[in-house]
């Protein structure tokens, strides 16, 4: 079981961008719902980090769908959970870099 969660700078920026968008277009209820979904998803990954499929063998990155608009990319690194990206799937997929 993994114990610590580390967010990459890209993942932190992604998260802030999504929250900014939700603040602009929606309301606090939707923001809280999104944050809870992310938290629940991370808790699930912490229970079993291999629960979601690997999408990049070389970097050992796994993909977890938070919602139809957002996907969390993560990997296990030195016994820790590293959140690599939190990608808004409405963007051009070519923007997704690890």
PDB file of N, CA and C in Angstrom:
ATOM      1  N   UNK A   1       0.844  -1.196   0.000  1.00  0.00           N
ATOM      2  CA  UNK A   1       0.000   0.000   0.000  1.00  0.00           C
ATOM      3  C   UNK A   1       0.880   1.247   0.000  1.00  0.00           C
ATOM      4  N   UNK A   2       0.555   2.175  -0.854  1.00  0.00           N
ATOM      5  CA  UNK A   2       1.280   3.435  -0.925  1.00  0.00           C
ATOM      6  C   UNK A   2       0.834   4.343   0.219  1.00  0.00           C
ATOM      7  N   UNK A   3       1.747   5.163   0.690  1.00  0.00           N
ATOM      8  CA  UNK A   3       1.421   5.994   1.847  1.00  0.00           C
ATOM      9  C   UNK A   3       1.395   7.491   1.551  1.00  0.00           C
ATOM     10  N   UNK A   4       2.188   7.928   0.622  1.00  0.00           N
ATOM     11  CA  UNK A   4       2.318   9.364   0.378  1.00  0.00           C
ATOM     12  C   UNK A   4       1.915   9.687  -1.059  1.00  0.00           C
ATOM     13  N   UNK A   5       1.244  10.828  -1.222  1.00  0.00           N
ATOM     14  CA  UNK A   5       0.831  11.291  -2.542  1.00  0.00           C
ATOM     15  C   UNK A   5       1.655  12.519  -2.896  1.00  0.00           C
ATOM     16  N   UNK A   6       2.275  12.469  -4.069  1.00  0.00           N
ATOM     17  CA  UNK A   6       3.077  13.587  -4.564  1.00  0.00           C
ATOM     18  C   UNK A   6       2.451  14.064  -5.863  1.00  0.00           C
ATOM     19  N   UNK A   7       2.241  15.375  -5.973  1.00  0.00           N
ATOM     20  CA  UNK A   7       1.708  15.974  -7.200  1.00  0.00           C
ATOM     21  C   UNK A   7       2.866  16.586  -7.973  1.00  0.00           C
ATOM     22  N   UNK A   8       2.982  16.244  -9.247  1.00  0.00           N
ATOM     23  CA  UNK A   8       3.993  16.883 -10.086  1.00  0.00           C
ATOM     24  C   UNK A   8       3.583  18.336 -10.306  1.00  0.00           C
ATOM     25  N   UNK A   9       4.543  19.202 -10.663  1.00  0.00           N
ATOM     26  CA  UNK A   9       4.173  20.595 -10.970  1.00  0.00           C
ATOM     27  C   UNK A   9       3.121  20.682 -12.081  1.00  0.00           C
ATOM     28  N   UNK A  10       3.215  19.810 -13.086  1.00  0.00           N
ATOM     29  CA  UNK A  10       2.218  19.816 -14.175  1.00  0.00           C
ATOM     30  C   UNK A  10       0.832  19.454 -13.653  1.00  0.00           C
ATOM     31  N   UNK A  11       0.765  18.463 -12.772  1.00  0.00           N
ATOM     32  CA  UNK A  11      -0.520  18.038 -12.211  1.00  0.00           C
ATOM     33  C   UNK A  11      -1.127  19.153 -11.353  1.00  0.00           C
ATOM     34  N   UNK A  12      -0.283  19.837 -10.575  1.00  0.00           N
ATOM     35  CA  UNK A  12      -0.784  20.945  -9.761  1.00  0.00           C
ATOM     36  C   UNK A  12      -1.353  22.049 -10.648  1.00  0.00           C
ATOM     37  N   UNK A  13      -0.637  22.358 -11.725  1.00  0.00           N
ATOM     38  CA  UNK A  13      -1.100  23.388 -12.660  1.00  0.00           C
ATOM     39  C   UNK A  13      -2.412  22.957 -13.320  1.00  0.00           C
ATOM     40  N   UNK A  14      -2.490  21.678 -13.723  1.00  0.00           N
ATOM     41  CA  UNK A  14      -3.714  21.147 -14.324  1.00  0.00           C
ATOM     42  C   UNK A  14      -4.896  21.299 -13.370  1.00  0.00           C
ATOM     43  N   UNK A  15      -4.688  20.917 -12.122  1.00  0.00           N
ATOM     44  CA  UNK A  15      -5.741  20.957 -11.110  1.00  0.00           C
ATOM     45  C   UNK A  15      -6.234  22.396 -10.918  1.00  0.00           C
ATOM     46  N   UNK A  16      -5.295  23.329 -10.794  1.00  0.00           N
ATOM     47  CA  UNK A  16      -5.653  24.742 -10.620  1.00  0.00           C
ATOM     48  C   UNK A  16      -6.418  25.265 -11.838  1.00  0.00           C
ATOM     49  N   UNK A  17      -5.997  24.873 -13.027  1.00  0.00           N
ATOM     50  CA  UNK A  17      -6.685  25.319 -14.248  1.00  0.00           C
ATOM     51  C   UNK A  17      -8.122  24.810 -14.297  1.00  0.00           C
ATOM     52  N   UNK A  18      -8.298  23.562 -13.917  1.00  0.00           N
ATOM     53  CA  UNK A  18      -9.652  22.992 -13.913  1.00  0.00           C
ATOM     54  C   UNK A  18     -10.519  23.698 -12.875  1.00  0.00           C
ATOM     55  N   UNK A  19      -9.963  23.941 -11.697  1.00  0.00           N
ATOM     56  CA  UNK A  19     -10.728  24.651 -10.658  1.00  0.00           C
ATOM     57  C   UNK A  19     -11.072  26.073 -11.102  1.00  0.00           C
ATOM     58  N   UNK A  20     -10.133  26.744 -11.764  1.00  0.00           N
ATOM     59  CA  UNK A  20     -10.404  28.090 -12.273  1.00  0.00           C
ATOM     60  C   UNK A  20     -11.542  28.067 -13.288  1.00  0.00           C
ATOM     61  N   UNK A  21     -11.512  27.089 -14.169  1.00  0.00           N
ATOM     62  CA  UNK A  21     -12.574  26.958 -15.172  1.00  0.00           C
ATOM     63  C   UNK A  21     -13.918  26.708 -14.497  1.00  0.00           C
ATOM     64  N   UNK A  22     -13.943  25.809 -13.526  1.00  0.00           N
ATOM     65  CA  UNK A  22     -15.196  25.503 -12.828  1.00  0.00           C
ATOM     66  C   UNK A  22     -15.719  26.726 -12.081  1.00  0.00           C
ATOM     67  N   UNK A  23     -14.807  27.502 -11.502  1.00  0.00           N
ATOM     68  CA  UNK A  23     -15.203  28.714 -10.788  1.00  0.00           C
ATOM     69  C   UNK A  23     -15.822  29.721 -11.747  1.00  0.00           C
ATOM     70  N   UNK A  24     -15.256  29.820 -12.928  1.00  0.00           N
ATOM     71  CA  UNK A  24     -15.725  30.775 -13.926  1.00  0.00           C
ATOM     72  C   UNK A  24     -17.074  30.372 -14.522  1.00  0.00           C
ATOM     73  N   UNK A  25     -17.229  29.080 -14.829  1.00  0.00           N
ATOM     74  CA  UNK A  25     -18.403  28.611 -15.563  1.00  0.00           C
ATOM     75  C   UNK A  25     -19.492  27.985 -14.696  1.00  0.00           C
ATOM     76  N   UNK A  26     -19.150  27.512 -13.509  1.00  0.00           N
ATOM     77  CA  UNK A  26     -20.112  26.777 -12.701  1.00  0.00           C
ATOM     78  C   UNK A  26     -20.262  27.413 -11.329  1.00  0.00           C
ATOM     79  N   UNK A  27     -20.284  26.599 -10.284  1.00  0.00           N
ATOM     80  CA  UNK A  27     -20.476  27.141  -8.940  1.00  0.00           C
ATOM     81  C   UNK A  27     -19.724  26.289  -7.915  1.00  0.00           C
ATOM     82  N   UNK A  28     -19.800  26.703  -6.646  1.00  0.00           N
ATOM     83  CA  UNK A  28     -19.051  26.013  -5.595  1.00  0.00           C
ATOM     84  C   UNK A  28     -19.491  24.565  -5.409  1.00  0.00           C
ATOM     85  N   UNK A  29     -20.750  24.279  -5.626  1.00  0.00           N
ATOM     86  CA  UNK A  29     -21.241  22.908  -5.473  1.00  0.00           C
ATOM     87  C   UNK A  29     -20.544  21.978  -6.471  1.00  0.00           C
ATOM     88  N   UNK A  30     -20.410  22.435  -7.702  1.00  0.00           N
ATOM     89  CA  UNK A  30     -19.748  21.645  -8.743  1.00  0.00           C
ATOM     90  C   UNK A  30     -18.259  21.507  -8.437  1.00  0.00           C
ATOM     91  N   UNK A  31     -17.647  22.575  -7.957  1.00  0.00           N
ATOM     92  CA  UNK A  31     -16.227  22.526  -7.587  1.00  0.00           C
ATOM     93  C   UNK A  31     -16.003  21.495  -6.489  1.00  0.00           C
ATOM     94  N   UNK A  32     -16.839  21.538  -5.453  1.00  0.00           N
ATOM     95  CA  UNK A  32     -16.703  20.575  -4.353  1.00  0.00           C
ATOM     96  C   UNK A  32     -16.934  19.145  -4.824  1.00  0.00           C
ATOM     97  N   UNK A  33     -17.872  18.970  -5.724  1.00  0.00           N
ATOM     98  CA  UNK A  33     -18.141  17.637  -6.275  1.00  0.00           C
ATOM     99  C   UNK A  33     -16.916  17.115  -7.032  1.00  0.00           C
ATOM    100  N   UNK A  34     -16.287  17.983  -7.814  1.00  0.00           N
ATOM    101  CA  UNK A  34     -15.093  17.594  -8.556  1.00  0.00           C
ATOM    102  C   UNK A  34     -13.948  17.243  -7.598  1.00  0.00           C
ATOM    103  N   UNK A  35     -13.719  18.075  -6.605  1.00  0.00           N
ATOM    104  CA  UNK A  35     -12.647  17.808  -5.631  1.00  0.00           C
ATOM    105  C   UNK A  35     -12.889  16.485  -4.926  1.00  0.00           C
ATOM    106  N   UNK A  36     -14.137  16.210  -4.552  1.00  0.00           N
ATOM    107  CA  UNK A  36     -14.465  14.936  -3.905  1.00  0.00           C
ATOM    108  C   UNK A  36     -14.205  13.754  -4.830  1.00  0.00           C
ATOM    109  N   UNK A  37     -14.513  13.900  -6.111  1.00  0.00           N
ATOM    110  CA  UNK A  37     -14.246  12.827  -7.069  1.00  0.00           C
ATOM    111  C   UNK A  37     -12.750  12.543  -7.175  1.00  0.00           C
ATOM    112  N   UNK A  38     -11.962  13.605  -7.217  1.00  0.00           N
ATOM    113  CA  UNK A  38     -10.502  13.436  -7.282  1.00  0.00           C
ATOM    114  C   UNK A  38     -10.008  12.751  -6.013  1.00  0.00           C
ATOM    115  N   UNK A  39     -10.465  13.218  -4.850  1.00  0.00           N
ATOM    116  CA  UNK A  39     -10.060  12.616  -3.573  1.00  0.00           C
ATOM    117  C   UNK A  39     -10.460  11.146  -3.495  1.00  0.00           C
ATOM    118  N   UNK A  40     -11.678  10.835  -3.897  1.00  0.00           N
ATOM    119  CA  UNK A  40     -12.152   9.443  -3.873  1.00  0.00           C
ATOM    120  C   UNK A  40     -11.320   8.567  -4.797  1.00  0.00           C
ATOM    121  N   UNK A  41     -10.985   9.106  -5.954  1.00  0.00           N
ATOM    122  CA  UNK A  41     -10.193   8.362  -6.919  1.00  0.00           C
ATOM    123  C   UNK A  41      -8.792   8.091  -6.380  1.00  0.00           C
ATOM    124  N   UNK A  42      -8.179   9.080  -5.765  1.00  0.00           N
ATOM    125  CA  UNK A  42      -6.846   8.909  -5.181  1.00  0.00           C
ATOM    126  C   UNK A  42      -6.898   7.887  -4.047  1.00  0.00           C
ATOM    127  N   UNK A  43      -7.936   7.927  -3.231  1.00  0.00           N
ATOM    128  CA  UNK A  43      -8.085   6.940  -2.155  1.00  0.00           C
ATOM    129  C   UNK A  43      -8.175   5.527  -2.716  1.00  0.00           C
ATOM    130  N   UNK A  44      -8.910   5.375  -3.795  1.00  0.00           N
ATOM    131  CA  UNK A  44      -9.033   4.074  -4.455  1.00  0.00           C
ATOM    132  C   UNK A  44      -7.674   3.600  -4.963  1.00  0.00           C
ATOM    133  N   UNK A  45      -6.921   4.486  -5.565  1.00  0.00           N
ATOM    134  CA  UNK A  45      -5.586   4.143  -6.067  1.00  0.00           C
ATOM    135  C   UNK A  45      -4.666   3.772  -4.913  1.00  0.00           C
ATOM    136  N   UNK A  46      -4.757   4.481  -3.794  1.00  0.00           N
ATOM    137  CA  UNK A  46      -3.915   4.170  -2.640  1.00  0.00           C
ATOM    138  C   UNK A  46      -4.187   2.777  -2.090  1.00  0.00           C
ATOM    139  N   UNK A  47      -5.419   2.307  -2.225  1.00  0.00           N
ATOM    140  CA  UNK A  47      -5.750   0.948  -1.786  1.00  0.00           C
ATOM    141  C   UNK A  47      -5.099  -0.103  -2.678  1.00  0.00           C
ATOM    142  N   UNK A  48      -5.083   0.153  -3.981  1.00  0.00           N
ATOM    143  CA  UNK A  48      -4.476  -0.771  -4.946  1.00  0.00           C
ATOM    144  C   UNK A  48      -4.003   0.037  -6.149  1.00  0.00           C
ATOM    145  N   UNK A  49      -2.716   0.325  -6.198  1.00  0.00           N
ATOM    146  CA  UNK A  49      -2.203   1.213  -7.253  1.00  0.00           C
ATOM    147  C   UNK A  49      -2.268   0.580  -8.639  1.00  0.00           C
ATOM    148  N   UNK A  50      -2.491  -0.724  -8.710  1.00  0.00           N
ATOM    149  CA  UNK A  50      -2.546  -1.400 -10.008  1.00  0.00           C
ATOM    150  C   UNK A  50      -3.980  -1.570 -10.517  1.00  0.00           C
ATOM    151  N   UNK A  51      -4.907  -0.877  -9.909  1.00  0.00           N
ATOM    152  CA  UNK A  51      -6.316  -1.033 -10.257  1.00  0.00           C
ATOM    153  C   UNK A  51      -6.640  -0.508 -11.661  1.00  0.00           C
ATOM    154  N   UNK A  52      -5.890   0.479 -12.131  1.00  0.00           N
ATOM    155  CA  UNK A  52      -6.158   1.067 -13.441  1.00  0.00           C
ATOM    156  C   UNK A  52      -5.071   0.668 -14.443  1.00  0.00           C
ATOM    157  N   UNK A  53      -5.397   0.703 -15.736  1.00  0.00           N
ATOM    158  CA  UNK A  53      -4.458   0.187 -16.749  1.00  0.00           C
ATOM    159  C   UNK A  53      -3.256   1.101 -16.994  1.00  0.00           C
ATOM    160  N   UNK A  54      -2.160   0.464 -17.350  1.00  0.00           N
ATOM    161  CA  UNK A  54      -0.953   1.191 -17.762  1.00  0.00           C
ATOM    162  C   UNK A  54      -1.169   1.695 -19.180  1.00  0.00           C
ATOM    163  N   UNK A  55      -0.863   2.968 -19.406  1.00  0.00           N
ATOM    164  CA  UNK A  55      -0.996   3.529 -20.757  1.00  0.00           C
ATOM    165  C   UNK A  55       0.359   3.899 -21.345  1.00  0.00           C
ATOM    166  N   UNK A  56       1.398   3.887 -20.504  1.00  0.00           N
ATOM    167  CA  UNK A  56       2.756   4.151 -20.969  1.00  0.00           C
ATOM    168  C   UNK A  56       3.690   3.204 -20.228  1.00  0.00           C
ATOM    169  N   UNK A  57       4.086   2.133 -20.927  1.00  0.00           N
ATOM    170  CA  UNK A  57       4.931   1.098 -20.312  1.00  0.00           C
ATOM    171  C   UNK A  57       6.281   1.656 -19.867  1.00  0.00           C
ATOM    172  N   UNK A  58       6.880   2.470 -20.720  1.00  0.00           N
ATOM    173  CA  UNK A  58       8.219   2.987 -20.428  1.00  0.00           C
ATOM    174  C   UNK A  58       8.239   3.813 -19.140  1.00  0.00           C
ATOM    175  N   UNK A  59       7.267   4.689 -18.981  1.00  0.00           N
ATOM    176  CA  UNK A  59       7.208   5.557 -17.801  1.00  0.00           C
ATOM    177  C   UNK A  59       6.366   4.974 -16.672  1.00  0.00           C
ATOM    178  N   UNK A  60       5.716   3.826 -16.924  1.00  0.00           N
ATOM    179  CA  UNK A  60       4.867   3.149 -15.927  1.00  0.00           C
ATOM    180  C   UNK A  60       3.697   4.029 -15.480  1.00  0.00           C
ATOM    181  N   UNK A  61       3.116   4.762 -16.432  1.00  0.00           N
ATOM    182  CA  UNK A  61       2.012   5.666 -16.118  1.00  0.00           C
ATOM    183  C   UNK A  61       0.685   4.956 -16.332  1.00  0.00           C
ATOM    184  N   UNK A  62      -0.205   5.115 -15.370  1.00  0.00           N
ATOM    185  CA  UNK A  62      -1.541   4.526 -15.423  1.00  0.00           C
ATOM    186  C   UNK A  62      -2.570   5.633 -15.598  1.00  0.00           C
ATOM    187  N   UNK A  63      -3.738   5.234 -16.101  1.00  0.00           N
ATOM    188  CA  UNK A  63      -4.808   6.179 -16.430  1.00  0.00           C
ATOM    189  C   UNK A  63      -6.057   5.845 -15.625  1.00  0.00           C
ATOM    190  N   UNK A  64      -6.599   6.868 -14.981  1.00  0.00           N
ATOM    191  CA  UNK A  64      -7.836   6.722 -14.225  1.00  0.00           C
ATOM    192  C   UNK A  64      -8.802   7.826 -14.649  1.00  0.00           C
ATOM    193  N   UNK A  65      -9.971   7.440 -15.117  1.00  0.00           N
ATOM    194  CA  UNK A  65     -10.962   8.417 -15.561  1.00  0.00           C
ATOM    195  C   UNK A  65     -11.726   8.935 -14.341  1.00  0.00           C
ATOM    196  N   UNK A  66     -11.638  10.241 -14.121  1.00  0.00           N
ATOM    197  CA  UNK A  66     -12.351  10.895 -13.012  1.00  0.00           C
ATOM    198  C   UNK A  66     -13.790  11.170 -13.442  1.00  0.00           C
ATOM    199  N   UNK A  67     -13.926  11.730 -14.630  1.00  0.00           N
ATOM    200  CA  UNK A  67     -15.225  12.024 -15.241  1.00  0.00           C
ATOM    201  C   UNK A  67     -15.008  11.976 -16.745  1.00  0.00           C
ATOM    202  N   UNK A  68     -16.062  12.142 -17.515  1.00  0.00           N
ATOM    203  CA  UNK A  68     -15.866  12.099 -18.967  1.00  0.00           C
ATOM    204  C   UNK A  68     -15.016  13.272 -19.449  1.00  0.00           C
ATOM    205  N   UNK A  69     -14.869  14.300 -18.616  1.00  0.00           N
ATOM    206  CA  UNK A  69     -14.065  15.454 -19.002  1.00  0.00           C
ATOM    207  C   UNK A  69     -12.643  15.432 -18.437  1.00  0.00           C
ATOM    208  N   UNK A  70     -12.394  14.616 -17.417  1.00  0.00           N
ATOM    209  CA  UNK A  70     -11.104  14.669 -16.720  1.00  0.00           C
ATOM    210  C   UNK A  70     -10.521  13.289 -16.466  1.00  0.00           C
ATOM    211  N   UNK A  71      -9.219  13.192 -16.694  1.00  0.00           N
ATOM    212  CA  UNK A  71      -8.502  11.943 -16.501  1.00  0.00           C
ATOM    213  C   UNK A  71      -7.265  12.203 -15.655  1.00  0.00           C
ATOM    214  N   UNK A  72      -7.036  11.308 -14.702  1.00  0.00           N
ATOM    215  CA  UNK A  72      -5.884  11.401 -13.824  1.00  0.00           C
ATOM    216  C   UNK A  72      -4.836  10.399 -14.298  1.00  0.00           C
ATOM    217  N   UNK A  73      -3.606  10.858 -14.458  1.00  0.00           N
ATOM    218  CA  UNK A  73      -2.497   9.994 -14.843  1.00  0.00           C
ATOM    219  C   UNK A  73      -1.545   9.913 -13.655  1.00  0.00           C
ATOM    220  N   UNK A  74      -1.141   8.704 -13.302  1.00  0.00           N
ATOM    221  CA  UNK A  74      -0.329   8.514 -12.106  1.00  0.00           C
ATOM    222  C   UNK A  74       0.640   7.363 -12.298  1.00  0.00           C
ATOM    223  N   UNK A  75       1.579   7.257 -11.342  1.00  0.00           N
ATOM    224  CA  UNK A  75       2.484   6.109 -11.293  1.00  0.00           C
ATOM    225  C   UNK A  75       2.977   5.916  -9.867  1.00  0.00           C
ATOM    226  N   UNK A  76       3.414   4.708  -9.616  1.00  0.00           N
ATOM    227  CA  UNK A  76       4.042   4.405  -8.338  1.00  0.00           C
ATOM    228  C   UNK A  76       5.526   4.691  -8.497  1.00  0.00           C
ATOM    229  N   UNK A  77       6.066   5.429  -7.560  1.00  0.00           N
ATOM    230  CA  UNK A  77       7.476   5.793  -7.644  1.00  0.00           C
ATOM    231  C   UNK A  77       8.072   5.769  -6.243  1.00  0.00           C
ATOM    232  N   UNK A  78       8.996   4.857  -6.025  1.00  0.00           N
ATOM    233  CA  UNK A  78       9.677   4.723  -4.729  1.00  0.00           C
ATOM    234  C   UNK A  78       8.683   4.564  -3.577  1.00  0.00           C
ATOM    235  N   UNK A  79       7.650   3.753  -3.792  1.00  0.00           N
ATOM    236  CA  UNK A  79       6.667   3.502  -2.751  1.00  0.00           C
ATOM    237  C   UNK A  79       5.688   4.642  -2.518  1.00  0.00           C
ATOM    238  N   UNK A  80       5.721   5.637  -3.390  1.00  0.00           N
ATOM    239  CA  UNK A  80       4.822   6.782  -3.268  1.00  0.00           C
ATOM    240  C   UNK A  80       3.939   6.839  -4.510  1.00  0.00           C
ATOM    241  N   UNK A  81       2.805   7.493  -4.370  1.00  0.00           N
ATOM    242  CA  UNK A  81       1.909   7.708  -5.496  1.00  0.00           C
ATOM    243  C   UNK A  81       2.214   9.080  -6.080  1.00  0.00           C
ATOM    244  N   UNK A  82       2.642   9.096  -7.339  1.00  0.00           N
ATOM    245  CA  UNK A  82       2.918  10.360  -8.012  1.00  0.00           C
ATOM    246  C   UNK A  82       1.790  10.658  -8.991  1.00  0.00           C
ATOM    247  N   UNK A  83       1.097  11.765  -8.754  1.00  0.00           N
ATOM    248  CA  UNK A  83       0.088  12.241  -9.696  1.00  0.00           C
ATOM    249  C   UNK A  83       0.861  12.997 -10.774  1.00  0.00           C
ATOM    250  N   UNK A  84       0.857  12.464 -11.987  1.00  0.00           N
ATOM    251  CA  UNK A  84       1.662  13.021 -13.067  1.00  0.00           C
ATOM    252  C   UNK A  84       0.916  14.149 -13.778  1.00  0.00           C
ATOM    253  N   UNK A  85      -0.339  13.906 -14.125  1.00  0.00           N
ATOM    254  CA  UNK A  85      -1.173  14.906 -14.807  1.00  0.00           C
ATOM    255  C   UNK A  85      -2.622  14.712 -14.396  1.00  0.00           C
ATOM    256  N   UNK A  86      -3.386  15.763 -14.475  1.00  0.00           N
ATOM    257  CA  UNK A  86      -4.834  15.740 -14.330  1.00  0.00           C
ATOM    258  C   UNK A  86      -5.345  16.461 -15.566  1.00  0.00           C
ATOM    259  N   UNK A  87      -5.704  15.689 -16.583  1.00  0.00           N
ATOM    260  CA  UNK A  87      -5.914  16.238 -17.922  1.00  0.00           C
ATOM    261  C   UNK A  87      -7.386  16.430 -18.238  1.00  0.00           C
ATOM    262  N   UNK A  88      -7.704  17.608 -18.749  1.00  0.00           N
ATOM    263  CA  UNK A  88      -9.046  17.909 -19.234  1.00  0.00           C
ATOM    264  C   UNK A  88      -9.147  17.325 -20.638  1.00  0.00           C
ATOM    265  N   UNK A  89      -9.938  16.287 -20.795  1.00  0.00           N
ATOM    266  CA  UNK A  89      -9.986  15.539 -22.056  1.00  0.00           C
ATOM    267  C   UNK A  89     -10.643  16.304 -23.204  1.00  0.00           C
ATOM    268  N   UNK A  90     -11.156  17.490 -22.931  1.00  0.00           N
ATOM    269  CA  UNK A  90     -11.705  18.308 -24.016  1.00  0.00           C
ATOM    270  C   UNK A  90     -10.602  19.044 -24.769  1.00  0.00           C
ATOM    271  N   UNK A  91      -9.395  19.003 -24.226  1.00  0.00           N
ATOM    272  CA  UNK A  91      -8.254  19.639 -24.882  1.00  0.00           C
ATOM    273  C   UNK A  91      -7.725  18.755 -26.008  1.00  0.00           C
ATOM    274  N   UNK A  92      -6.875  19.332 -26.817  1.00  0.00           N
ATOM    275  CA  UNK A  92      -6.190  18.586 -27.851  1.00  0.00           C
ATOM    276  C   UNK A  92      -5.285  17.538 -27.171  1.00  0.00           C
ATOM    277  N   UNK A  93      -5.432  16.256 -27.477  1.00  0.00           N
ATOM    278  CA  UNK A  93      -4.619  15.223 -26.826  1.00  0.00           C
ATOM    279  C   UNK A  93      -3.121  15.387 -27.073  1.00  0.00           C
ATOM    280  N   UNK A  94      -2.741  16.129 -28.094  1.00  0.00           N
ATOM    281  CA  UNK A  94      -1.319  16.379 -28.349  1.00  0.00           C
ATOM    282  C   UNK A  94      -0.696  17.267 -27.261  1.00  0.00           C
ATOM    283  N   UNK A  95      -1.525  17.944 -26.487  1.00  0.00           N
ATOM    284  CA  UNK A  95      -1.030  18.775 -25.394  1.00  0.00           C
ATOM    285  C   UNK A  95      -0.586  17.932 -24.191  1.00  0.00           C
ATOM    286  N   UNK A  96      -1.010  16.678 -24.162  1.00  0.00           N
ATOM    287  CA  UNK A  96      -0.705  15.811 -23.032  1.00  0.00           C
ATOM    288  C   UNK A  96       0.735  15.319 -23.131  1.00  0.00           C
ATOM    289  N   UNK A  97       1.583  15.825 -22.277  1.00  0.00           N
ATOM    290  CA  UNK A  97       2.994  15.448 -22.214  1.00  0.00           C
ATOM    291  C   UNK A  97       3.302  14.981 -20.801  1.00  0.00           C
ATOM    292  N   UNK A  98       4.143  13.954 -20.708  1.00  0.00           N
ATOM    293  CA  UNK A  98       4.518  13.449 -19.383  1.00  0.00           C
ATOM    294  C   UNK A  98       5.909  13.890 -19.039  1.00  0.00           C
TER     295      UNK A  98
END
